[in-house]
């Protein structure tokens, strides 16, 4: 019998997706960010904040398709998951990601997390991967915000 990889409980996943505890959640790291800052490149950084959020949204969309029972193709090359988000696209990408975050939390709360969605992997496991992916890239966003002098966000954020 094949062993399926699973993940945390629905409550834990929902909290990890956007409530934080030991980290600032994505909605707070992105909520007040203006296009002018999000689209500015920091010397030495391969991506702008807008491009990072576009990448996060790309994989969020992929995960939500899995949750709907679809089998989206995995990109052949990493570059396919890094859309070039320009300043004039920022508000739409930011909103799409934040709306998708709400939908992902709903999936974590309401869907059967033990349901297999890919070979050997359950929906709960896929959502766990998504949480980790978001945490990595939210950290990048925070670092770039600091380097751009756009930290902390409205309402405060960790400064240590």
N, C-alpha and C. Protein backbone atom coordinates (compact mmCIF):
# COMPACT_ATOMS: atom_id res chain seq x y z
N UNK A 1 0.84 -1.17 0.00
CA UNK A 1 0.00 0.00 0.00
C UNK A 1 0.90 1.25 0.00
N UNK A 2 0.56 2.16 -0.88
CA UNK A 2 1.31 3.42 -0.97
C UNK A 2 0.97 4.32 0.20
N UNK A 3 1.99 4.90 0.79
CA UNK A 3 1.80 5.81 1.92
C UNK A 3 1.66 7.23 1.39
N UNK A 4 0.57 7.88 1.76
CA UNK A 4 0.33 9.26 1.33
C UNK A 4 0.96 10.24 2.30
N UNK A 5 1.58 11.29 1.76
CA UNK A 5 2.10 12.37 2.58
C UNK A 5 0.94 13.29 2.93
N UNK A 6 0.80 13.62 4.20
CA UNK A 6 -0.29 14.49 4.64
C UNK A 6 0.29 15.76 5.22
N UNK A 7 -0.49 16.49 5.98
CA UNK A 7 -0.04 17.76 6.54
C UNK A 7 -0.71 18.03 7.88
N UNK A 8 -0.59 19.26 8.39
CA UNK A 8 -1.19 19.61 9.68
C UNK A 8 -2.71 19.64 9.63
N UNK A 9 -3.31 19.89 10.77
CA UNK A 9 -4.76 19.98 10.88
C UNK A 9 -5.28 21.20 10.11
N UNK A 10 -6.56 21.22 9.78
CA UNK A 10 -7.13 22.39 9.11
C UNK A 10 -6.90 23.70 9.87
N UNK A 11 -7.08 23.67 11.18
CA UNK A 11 -6.88 24.88 11.98
C UNK A 11 -5.44 25.38 11.89
N UNK A 12 -4.50 24.45 11.98
CA UNK A 12 -3.09 24.83 11.90
C UNK A 12 -2.75 25.39 10.52
N UNK A 13 -3.24 24.74 9.47
CA UNK A 13 -2.96 25.22 8.12
C UNK A 13 -3.54 26.61 7.90
N UNK A 14 -4.77 26.80 8.30
CA UNK A 14 -5.41 28.11 8.13
C UNK A 14 -4.60 29.19 8.83
N UNK A 15 -4.15 28.90 10.01
CA UNK A 15 -3.35 29.88 10.77
C UNK A 15 -2.00 30.12 10.10
N UNK A 16 -1.34 29.05 9.68
CA UNK A 16 -0.04 29.19 9.05
C UNK A 16 -0.09 29.96 7.73
N UNK A 17 -1.21 29.85 7.03
CA UNK A 17 -1.32 30.53 5.73
C UNK A 17 -1.27 32.04 5.85
N UNK A 18 -1.90 32.61 6.89
CA UNK A 18 -1.91 34.07 6.93
C UNK A 18 -2.18 34.69 8.29
N UNK A 19 -1.88 33.99 9.35
CA UNK A 19 -2.07 34.61 10.65
C UNK A 19 -0.76 34.79 11.39
N UNK A 20 0.25 34.02 10.99
CA UNK A 20 1.55 34.17 11.62
C UNK A 20 1.54 33.81 13.09
N UNK A 21 2.63 33.94 13.69
CA UNK A 21 2.86 33.84 15.12
C UNK A 21 4.33 34.16 15.32
N UNK A 22 5.19 33.42 14.67
CA UNK A 22 6.63 33.70 14.75
C UNK A 22 7.09 34.50 13.53
N UNK A 23 6.15 34.90 12.69
CA UNK A 23 6.50 35.66 11.50
C UNK A 23 5.33 36.57 11.12
N UNK A 24 5.65 37.57 10.33
CA UNK A 24 4.61 38.48 9.83
C UNK A 24 3.88 37.80 8.68
N UNK A 25 2.57 37.72 8.71
CA UNK A 25 1.85 37.03 7.64
C UNK A 25 1.92 37.80 6.31
N UNK A 26 1.77 37.09 5.19
CA UNK A 26 1.85 37.73 3.88
C UNK A 26 0.91 38.92 3.71
N UNK A 27 -0.30 38.83 4.21
CA UNK A 27 -1.24 39.95 4.02
C UNK A 27 -0.72 41.23 4.65
N UNK A 28 -0.06 41.13 5.78
CA UNK A 28 0.50 42.33 6.43
C UNK A 28 1.75 42.80 5.72
N UNK A 29 2.57 41.88 5.21
CA UNK A 29 3.80 42.26 4.52
C UNK A 29 3.51 42.94 3.19
N UNK A 30 2.33 42.67 2.61
CA UNK A 30 2.01 43.19 1.28
C UNK A 30 0.91 44.23 1.26
N UNK A 31 0.05 44.24 2.26
CA UNK A 31 -1.18 45.02 2.23
C UNK A 31 -1.04 46.49 1.94
N UNK A 32 0.01 47.15 2.42
CA UNK A 32 0.14 48.59 2.25
C UNK A 32 1.19 48.98 1.20
N UNK A 33 1.68 48.02 0.47
CA UNK A 33 2.79 48.26 -0.45
C UNK A 33 2.32 48.94 -1.73
N UNK A 34 2.97 50.04 -2.06
CA UNK A 34 2.64 50.81 -3.27
C UNK A 34 3.40 50.28 -4.47
N UNK A 35 2.82 50.46 -5.65
CA UNK A 35 3.42 49.97 -6.90
C UNK A 35 4.82 50.52 -7.11
N UNK A 36 5.03 51.77 -6.76
CA UNK A 36 6.34 52.40 -6.95
C UNK A 36 7.43 51.65 -6.20
N UNK A 37 7.13 51.19 -5.01
CA UNK A 37 8.11 50.44 -4.21
C UNK A 37 8.17 48.99 -4.69
N UNK A 38 7.02 48.37 -4.91
CA UNK A 38 6.97 46.96 -5.30
C UNK A 38 7.68 46.68 -6.61
N UNK A 39 7.73 47.66 -7.49
CA UNK A 39 8.33 47.44 -8.81
C UNK A 39 9.78 47.94 -8.91
N UNK A 40 10.31 48.47 -7.82
CA UNK A 40 11.69 48.97 -7.83
C UNK A 40 12.66 47.82 -7.56
N UNK A 41 13.71 47.73 -8.36
CA UNK A 41 14.70 46.67 -8.18
C UNK A 41 15.81 47.13 -7.24
N UNK A 42 16.18 46.27 -6.32
CA UNK A 42 17.29 46.50 -5.41
C UNK A 42 18.54 45.96 -6.09
N UNK A 43 19.63 46.73 -6.05
CA UNK A 43 20.88 46.26 -6.65
C UNK A 43 21.24 44.87 -6.13
N UNK A 44 21.52 43.97 -7.04
CA UNK A 44 21.91 42.62 -6.68
C UNK A 44 20.75 41.64 -6.55
N UNK A 45 19.53 42.13 -6.50
CA UNK A 45 18.37 41.24 -6.39
C UNK A 45 17.91 40.81 -7.78
N UNK A 46 17.68 39.52 -7.97
CA UNK A 46 17.22 39.08 -9.29
C UNK A 46 15.77 39.44 -9.58
N UNK A 47 15.00 39.79 -8.53
CA UNK A 47 13.58 40.06 -8.72
C UNK A 47 13.14 41.27 -7.91
N UNK A 48 12.09 41.91 -8.40
CA UNK A 48 11.42 42.96 -7.63
C UNK A 48 10.41 42.28 -6.70
N UNK A 49 9.89 43.05 -5.75
CA UNK A 49 8.83 42.53 -4.89
C UNK A 49 7.62 42.13 -5.74
N UNK A 50 7.29 42.93 -6.73
CA UNK A 50 6.15 42.63 -7.59
C UNK A 50 6.34 41.29 -8.30
N UNK A 51 7.54 41.02 -8.76
CA UNK A 51 7.80 39.74 -9.43
C UNK A 51 7.72 38.58 -8.44
N UNK A 52 8.21 38.78 -7.23
CA UNK A 52 8.12 37.73 -6.20
C UNK A 52 6.65 37.42 -5.90
N UNK A 53 5.84 38.45 -5.76
CA UNK A 53 4.42 38.22 -5.48
C UNK A 53 3.74 37.57 -6.69
N UNK A 54 4.13 37.96 -7.90
CA UNK A 54 3.61 37.29 -9.09
C UNK A 54 3.95 35.81 -9.08
N UNK A 55 5.16 35.48 -8.65
CA UNK A 55 5.59 34.08 -8.52
C UNK A 55 4.77 33.36 -7.45
N UNK A 56 4.57 34.00 -6.33
CA UNK A 56 3.76 33.41 -5.26
C UNK A 56 2.34 33.15 -5.75
N UNK A 57 1.79 34.10 -6.51
CA UNK A 57 0.45 33.95 -7.04
C UNK A 57 0.39 32.82 -8.08
N UNK A 58 1.42 32.70 -8.89
CA UNK A 58 1.47 31.62 -9.88
C UNK A 58 1.30 30.26 -9.20
N UNK A 59 2.09 30.03 -8.12
CA UNK A 59 2.03 28.74 -7.43
C UNK A 59 0.79 28.60 -6.57
N UNK A 60 0.25 29.72 -6.11
CA UNK A 60 -1.01 29.68 -5.37
C UNK A 60 -2.12 29.20 -6.31
N UNK A 61 -2.13 29.73 -7.52
CA UNK A 61 -3.12 29.32 -8.52
C UNK A 61 -2.97 27.83 -8.83
N UNK A 62 -1.75 27.38 -8.96
CA UNK A 62 -1.46 25.96 -9.20
C UNK A 62 -2.05 25.10 -8.07
N UNK A 63 -1.79 25.49 -6.82
CA UNK A 63 -2.27 24.75 -5.66
C UNK A 63 -3.79 24.74 -5.60
N UNK A 64 -4.42 25.87 -5.91
CA UNK A 64 -5.88 25.93 -5.90
C UNK A 64 -6.48 25.06 -7.00
N UNK A 65 -5.80 24.95 -8.12
CA UNK A 65 -6.26 24.03 -9.18
C UNK A 65 -6.22 22.59 -8.69
N UNK A 66 -5.13 22.22 -8.00
CA UNK A 66 -5.07 20.88 -7.42
C UNK A 66 -6.23 20.66 -6.45
N UNK A 67 -6.55 21.67 -5.66
CA UNK A 67 -7.64 21.57 -4.69
C UNK A 67 -8.98 21.36 -5.39
N UNK A 68 -9.12 21.89 -6.60
CA UNK A 68 -10.37 21.72 -7.38
C UNK A 68 -10.39 20.39 -8.14
N UNK A 69 -9.36 19.60 -8.00
CA UNK A 69 -9.32 18.31 -8.68
C UNK A 69 -8.68 18.36 -10.05
N UNK A 70 -8.15 19.50 -10.43
CA UNK A 70 -7.47 19.62 -11.72
C UNK A 70 -6.04 19.08 -11.59
N UNK A 71 -5.41 18.81 -12.70
CA UNK A 71 -4.02 18.37 -12.74
C UNK A 71 -3.23 19.33 -13.63
N UNK A 72 -2.92 20.52 -13.11
CA UNK A 72 -2.20 21.50 -13.93
C UNK A 72 -0.80 20.98 -14.26
N UNK A 73 -0.31 21.29 -15.45
CA UNK A 73 1.04 20.84 -15.79
C UNK A 73 2.08 21.60 -14.97
N UNK A 74 3.11 20.89 -14.57
CA UNK A 74 4.23 21.52 -13.88
C UNK A 74 5.10 22.21 -14.92
N UNK A 75 5.49 23.45 -14.70
CA UNK A 75 6.33 24.14 -15.69
C UNK A 75 7.62 23.36 -15.98
N UNK A 76 8.03 23.38 -17.22
CA UNK A 76 9.27 22.70 -17.62
C UNK A 76 10.50 23.44 -17.10
N UNK A 77 10.38 24.75 -16.93
CA UNK A 77 11.50 25.58 -16.49
C UNK A 77 11.02 26.54 -15.40
N UNK A 78 11.89 26.81 -14.44
CA UNK A 78 11.54 27.70 -13.32
C UNK A 78 11.07 29.06 -13.81
N UNK A 79 11.66 29.57 -14.88
CA UNK A 79 11.31 30.91 -15.38
C UNK A 79 9.83 31.04 -15.73
N UNK A 80 9.18 29.91 -16.05
CA UNK A 80 7.76 29.95 -16.40
C UNK A 80 6.89 30.33 -15.20
N UNK A 81 7.41 30.18 -14.00
CA UNK A 81 6.67 30.52 -12.79
C UNK A 81 7.04 31.88 -12.23
N UNK A 82 7.76 32.67 -13.03
CA UNK A 82 8.18 34.01 -12.60
C UNK A 82 7.69 35.05 -13.59
N UNK A 83 6.41 35.45 -13.50
CA UNK A 83 5.92 36.46 -14.43
C UNK A 83 6.59 37.82 -14.19
N UNK A 84 6.74 38.57 -15.25
CA UNK A 84 7.34 39.91 -15.16
C UNK A 84 6.22 40.90 -14.82
N UNK A 85 6.08 41.21 -13.56
CA UNK A 85 5.01 42.10 -13.09
C UNK A 85 5.54 43.53 -13.06
N UNK A 86 4.91 44.40 -13.83
CA UNK A 86 5.32 45.80 -13.90
C UNK A 86 4.47 46.65 -12.95
N UNK A 87 4.90 47.87 -12.75
CA UNK A 87 4.23 48.77 -11.79
C UNK A 87 2.74 48.88 -12.07
N UNK A 88 2.37 49.00 -13.33
CA UNK A 88 0.95 49.18 -13.66
C UNK A 88 0.12 47.91 -13.41
N UNK A 89 0.78 46.78 -13.21
CA UNK A 89 0.09 45.53 -12.93
C UNK A 89 0.05 45.20 -11.44
N UNK A 90 0.80 45.97 -10.66
CA UNK A 90 0.97 45.64 -9.24
C UNK A 90 -0.34 45.50 -8.48
N UNK A 91 -1.21 46.49 -8.57
CA UNK A 91 -2.45 46.45 -7.77
C UNK A 91 -3.27 45.21 -8.08
N UNK A 92 -3.35 44.83 -9.34
CA UNK A 92 -4.13 43.64 -9.72
C UNK A 92 -3.47 42.36 -9.20
N UNK A 93 -2.14 42.27 -9.30
CA UNK A 93 -1.44 41.08 -8.84
C UNK A 93 -1.51 40.98 -7.31
N UNK A 94 -1.30 42.10 -6.65
CA UNK A 94 -1.39 42.13 -5.19
C UNK A 94 -2.78 41.67 -4.74
N UNK A 95 -3.82 42.22 -5.33
CA UNK A 95 -5.20 41.87 -4.98
C UNK A 95 -5.48 40.41 -5.28
N UNK A 96 -5.03 39.93 -6.45
CA UNK A 96 -5.27 38.53 -6.83
C UNK A 96 -4.60 37.59 -5.83
N UNK A 97 -3.37 37.92 -5.41
CA UNK A 97 -2.69 37.07 -4.44
C UNK A 97 -3.42 37.09 -3.10
N UNK A 98 -3.79 38.26 -2.61
CA UNK A 98 -4.47 38.35 -1.32
C UNK A 98 -5.83 37.68 -1.35
N UNK A 99 -6.57 37.81 -2.47
CA UNK A 99 -7.85 37.11 -2.61
C UNK A 99 -7.62 35.60 -2.65
N UNK A 100 -6.57 35.18 -3.37
CA UNK A 100 -6.24 33.76 -3.43
C UNK A 100 -5.85 33.21 -2.07
N UNK A 101 -5.22 34.05 -1.26
CA UNK A 101 -4.85 33.65 0.09
C UNK A 101 -6.10 33.35 0.91
N UNK A 102 -7.13 34.18 0.76
CA UNK A 102 -8.41 33.93 1.45
C UNK A 102 -9.02 32.62 0.98
N UNK A 103 -8.96 32.37 -0.34
CA UNK A 103 -9.51 31.14 -0.89
C UNK A 103 -8.71 29.93 -0.40
N UNK A 104 -7.41 30.05 -0.31
CA UNK A 104 -6.56 28.95 0.17
C UNK A 104 -6.89 28.65 1.63
N UNK A 105 -7.12 29.68 2.43
CA UNK A 105 -7.52 29.47 3.82
C UNK A 105 -8.87 28.76 3.89
N UNK A 106 -9.78 29.12 3.01
CA UNK A 106 -11.08 28.45 2.97
C UNK A 106 -10.91 26.97 2.63
N UNK A 107 -10.06 26.68 1.66
CA UNK A 107 -9.79 25.30 1.28
C UNK A 107 -9.25 24.53 2.48
N UNK A 108 -8.30 25.12 3.20
CA UNK A 108 -7.71 24.47 4.37
C UNK A 108 -8.77 24.17 5.43
N UNK A 109 -9.72 25.07 5.57
CA UNK A 109 -10.75 24.96 6.60
C UNK A 109 -11.87 23.99 6.19
N UNK A 110 -12.22 23.96 4.90
CA UNK A 110 -13.45 23.27 4.49
C UNK A 110 -13.27 22.01 3.66
N UNK A 111 -12.14 21.85 3.03
CA UNK A 111 -11.95 20.71 2.13
C UNK A 111 -11.37 19.50 2.87
N UNK A 112 -11.47 18.35 2.24
CA UNK A 112 -10.92 17.11 2.79
C UNK A 112 -9.41 17.10 2.55
N UNK A 113 -8.64 17.37 3.59
CA UNK A 113 -7.19 17.48 3.45
C UNK A 113 -6.51 16.12 3.26
N UNK A 114 -7.23 15.04 3.50
CA UNK A 114 -6.65 13.71 3.31
C UNK A 114 -6.82 13.21 1.87
N UNK A 115 -7.51 13.99 1.06
CA UNK A 115 -7.77 13.59 -0.33
C UNK A 115 -6.48 13.65 -1.15
N UNK A 116 -6.14 12.57 -1.84
CA UNK A 116 -4.95 12.60 -2.71
C UNK A 116 -5.17 13.59 -3.87
N UNK A 117 -4.17 14.39 -4.16
CA UNK A 117 -4.27 15.33 -5.28
C UNK A 117 -3.18 15.09 -6.33
N UNK A 118 -2.10 14.48 -5.90
CA UNK A 118 -1.03 14.04 -6.81
C UNK A 118 -0.51 12.72 -6.27
N UNK A 119 0.23 12.02 -7.08
CA UNK A 119 0.72 10.71 -6.66
C UNK A 119 1.47 10.80 -5.33
N UNK A 120 0.92 10.13 -4.33
CA UNK A 120 1.56 10.06 -3.02
C UNK A 120 1.39 11.30 -2.15
N UNK A 121 0.62 12.28 -2.60
CA UNK A 121 0.48 13.54 -1.86
C UNK A 121 -0.98 13.92 -1.68
N UNK A 122 -1.32 14.31 -0.46
CA UNK A 122 -2.68 14.75 -0.17
C UNK A 122 -2.80 16.27 -0.34
N UNK A 123 -4.03 16.73 -0.30
CA UNK A 123 -4.28 18.16 -0.34
C UNK A 123 -3.62 18.85 0.84
N UNK A 124 -3.68 18.24 2.01
CA UNK A 124 -3.03 18.81 3.20
C UNK A 124 -1.54 18.97 3.02
N UNK A 125 -0.90 18.01 2.39
CA UNK A 125 0.53 18.10 2.13
C UNK A 125 0.83 19.24 1.14
N UNK A 126 0.02 19.32 0.09
CA UNK A 126 0.22 20.39 -0.91
C UNK A 126 0.05 21.77 -0.26
N UNK A 127 -0.93 21.91 0.60
CA UNK A 127 -1.13 23.19 1.29
C UNK A 127 0.04 23.49 2.22
N UNK A 128 0.61 22.46 2.83
CA UNK A 128 1.79 22.64 3.68
C UNK A 128 2.96 23.14 2.84
N UNK A 129 3.17 22.56 1.67
CA UNK A 129 4.21 23.04 0.76
C UNK A 129 3.97 24.50 0.40
N UNK A 130 2.72 24.84 0.19
CA UNK A 130 2.37 26.22 -0.16
C UNK A 130 2.71 27.19 0.98
N UNK A 131 2.41 26.78 2.20
CA UNK A 131 2.74 27.61 3.36
C UNK A 131 4.24 27.86 3.42
N UNK A 132 5.03 26.82 3.23
CA UNK A 132 6.49 26.97 3.28
C UNK A 132 6.97 27.86 2.14
N UNK A 133 6.43 27.66 0.96
CA UNK A 133 6.80 28.49 -0.19
C UNK A 133 6.49 29.96 0.09
N UNK A 134 5.31 30.23 0.60
CA UNK A 134 4.95 31.61 0.93
C UNK A 134 5.87 32.20 1.99
N UNK A 135 6.23 31.39 3.00
CA UNK A 135 7.10 31.89 4.07
C UNK A 135 8.46 32.31 3.52
N UNK A 136 9.03 31.50 2.64
CA UNK A 136 10.32 31.83 2.04
C UNK A 136 10.23 33.16 1.30
N UNK A 137 9.22 33.28 0.45
CA UNK A 137 9.13 34.48 -0.39
C UNK A 137 8.64 35.70 0.38
N UNK A 138 7.84 35.50 1.41
CA UNK A 138 7.46 36.64 2.25
C UNK A 138 8.69 37.19 2.95
N UNK A 139 9.58 36.32 3.37
CA UNK A 139 10.85 36.76 3.95
C UNK A 139 11.66 37.59 2.96
N UNK A 140 11.68 37.18 1.70
CA UNK A 140 12.38 37.96 0.67
C UNK A 140 11.73 39.33 0.52
N UNK A 141 10.41 39.37 0.50
CA UNK A 141 9.69 40.65 0.38
C UNK A 141 10.07 41.57 1.53
N UNK A 142 10.09 41.03 2.74
CA UNK A 142 10.41 41.84 3.92
C UNK A 142 11.83 42.38 3.82
N UNK A 143 12.76 41.54 3.42
CA UNK A 143 14.14 41.99 3.27
C UNK A 143 14.24 43.10 2.23
N UNK A 144 13.58 42.93 1.09
CA UNK A 144 13.62 43.97 0.05
C UNK A 144 12.94 45.24 0.54
N UNK A 145 11.84 45.12 1.25
CA UNK A 145 11.18 46.31 1.81
C UNK A 145 12.14 47.06 2.73
N UNK A 146 12.85 46.34 3.55
CA UNK A 146 13.83 46.99 4.43
C UNK A 146 14.89 47.71 3.61
N UNK A 147 15.40 47.06 2.57
CA UNK A 147 16.44 47.64 1.74
C UNK A 147 15.93 48.86 0.97
N UNK A 148 14.63 48.88 0.69
CA UNK A 148 14.02 50.00 -0.04
C UNK A 148 13.52 51.10 0.90
N UNK A 149 13.72 50.92 2.20
CA UNK A 149 13.26 51.91 3.17
C UNK A 149 11.75 51.94 3.33
N UNK A 150 11.09 50.82 3.04
CA UNK A 150 9.63 50.74 3.12
C UNK A 150 9.19 49.78 4.21
N UNK A 151 9.89 49.81 5.32
CA UNK A 151 9.59 48.93 6.45
C UNK A 151 9.60 49.73 7.72
N UNK A 152 8.75 49.48 8.65
CA UNK A 152 7.75 48.43 8.73
C UNK A 152 6.46 48.82 7.99
N UNK A 153 5.57 47.84 7.79
CA UNK A 153 4.30 48.15 7.16
C UNK A 153 3.39 48.91 8.11
N UNK A 154 2.29 49.42 7.57
CA UNK A 154 1.29 50.07 8.42
C UNK A 154 0.89 49.09 9.52
N UNK A 155 0.77 49.57 10.71
CA UNK A 155 0.40 48.71 11.83
C UNK A 155 1.59 48.03 12.48
N UNK A 156 2.80 48.26 11.93
CA UNK A 156 4.01 47.72 12.54
C UNK A 156 4.38 46.35 12.04
N UNK A 157 5.58 45.96 12.39
CA UNK A 157 6.11 44.66 12.01
C UNK A 157 7.40 44.44 12.77
N UNK A 158 7.83 43.22 12.79
CA UNK A 158 9.08 42.91 13.48
C UNK A 158 10.23 43.73 12.93
N UNK A 159 11.06 44.24 13.79
CA UNK A 159 12.21 45.02 13.35
C UNK A 159 13.51 44.46 13.92
N UNK A 160 13.49 43.28 14.44
CA UNK A 160 14.70 42.68 15.00
C UNK A 160 15.21 41.57 14.12
